[in-house]
C-alpha cells in the first residue's frame, strides 16, 4: 500500500488534489492511504515527531510560514 501526504493551505485546492490522487490510484487498481494536511507544520509533526512515513508528498509550493520546497527539505 502506498502512503501519500497532500499538503495545501487552501482547503479547496487540497481537497481537489486529494480527489485526483484517489482517482489516479483507483484507475490503476493500486491501494493507497491518503492523508490531507492544510498546515505544513502538522505534516512536519507527523513525520518528525510521530515517525509517520509516506511514499509520496504532494506539496503546495506557496504556503505561509514554510513553503513546499522548504518543507520538502525539512522532511528529508
Protein backbone atom coordinates (compact mmCIF):
# COMPACT_ATOMS: atom_id res chain seq x y z
CA UNK A 1 0.00 0.00 0.00
CA UNK A 2 1.26 3.45 -0.90
CA UNK A 3 1.11 6.21 1.70
CA UNK A 4 0.54 9.66 0.23
CA UNK A 5 0.50 13.03 2.01
CA UNK A 6 -1.21 16.02 0.39
CA UNK A 7 -0.44 19.43 1.88
CA UNK A 8 -2.10 22.63 0.69
CA UNK A 9 -3.00 25.62 2.82
CA UNK A 10 -6.08 26.25 0.65
CA UNK A 11 -8.72 23.74 1.78
CA UNK A 12 -10.49 23.70 -1.61
CA UNK A 13 -7.28 23.06 -3.55
CA UNK A 14 -6.15 20.42 -1.07
CA UNK A 15 -9.43 18.50 -1.39
CA UNK A 16 -9.20 18.67 -5.20
CA UNK A 17 -5.66 17.29 -5.25
CA UNK A 18 -6.71 14.60 -2.75
CA UNK A 19 -9.61 13.56 -5.02
CA UNK A 20 -7.39 13.49 -8.11
CA UNK A 21 -4.86 11.31 -6.31
CA UNK A 22 -7.67 8.95 -5.21
CA UNK A 23 -8.90 8.67 -8.78
CA UNK A 24 -5.45 8.08 -10.25
CA UNK A 25 -4.63 5.30 -7.79
CA UNK A 26 -8.08 3.72 -8.22
CA UNK A 27 -7.76 3.72 -12.02
CA UNK A 28 -4.50 1.84 -11.65
CA UNK A 29 -6.02 -0.52 -9.05
CA UNK A 30 -3.38 0.50 -6.53
CA UNK A 31 -4.01 0.52 -2.80
CA UNK A 32 -3.36 3.91 -1.23
CA UNK A 33 -3.68 5.59 2.11
CA UNK A 34 -4.10 9.34 1.61
CA UNK A 35 -3.65 11.99 4.29
CA UNK A 36 -4.65 15.63 3.79
CA UNK A 37 -2.97 18.49 5.64
CA UNK A 38 -3.83 22.18 5.44
CA UNK A 39 -0.95 23.23 7.66
CA UNK A 40 2.63 22.31 6.73
CA UNK A 41 3.61 22.24 10.42
CA UNK A 42 1.03 19.49 11.04
CA UNK A 43 2.55 17.36 8.30
CA UNK A 44 6.05 18.03 9.59
CA UNK A 45 4.97 16.98 13.09
CA UNK A 46 3.56 13.70 11.74
CA UNK A 47 6.84 12.92 10.02
CA UNK A 48 9.31 14.16 12.63
CA UNK A 49 7.52 13.54 15.95
CA UNK A 50 5.31 10.57 15.20
CA UNK A 51 7.67 8.94 12.68
CA UNK A 52 4.87 8.67 10.11
CA UNK A 53 6.33 7.57 6.80
CA UNK A 54 4.97 8.46 3.36
CA UNK A 55 5.91 7.21 -0.08
CA UNK A 56 4.80 10.37 -1.88
CA UNK A 57 4.35 14.01 -0.87
CA UNK A 58 2.13 16.33 -2.91
CA UNK A 59 3.04 19.78 -1.58
CA UNK A 60 1.78 23.25 -2.33
CA UNK A 61 4.75 25.44 -3.20
CA UNK A 62 3.45 28.74 -1.79
CA UNK A 63 2.27 28.47 1.81
CA UNK A 64 2.61 30.88 4.73
CA UNK A 65 5.38 30.18 7.20
CA UNK A 66 7.15 27.36 5.39
CA UNK A 67 6.75 26.86 1.65
CA UNK A 68 6.58 23.49 -0.07
CA UNK A 69 10.25 23.49 -1.11
CA UNK A 70 11.46 24.25 2.41
CA UNK A 71 9.01 21.67 3.78
CA UNK A 72 10.42 19.03 1.44
CA UNK A 73 13.94 19.78 2.67
CA UNK A 74 12.77 19.57 6.31
CA UNK A 75 11.07 16.22 5.71
CA UNK A 76 14.21 14.78 4.17
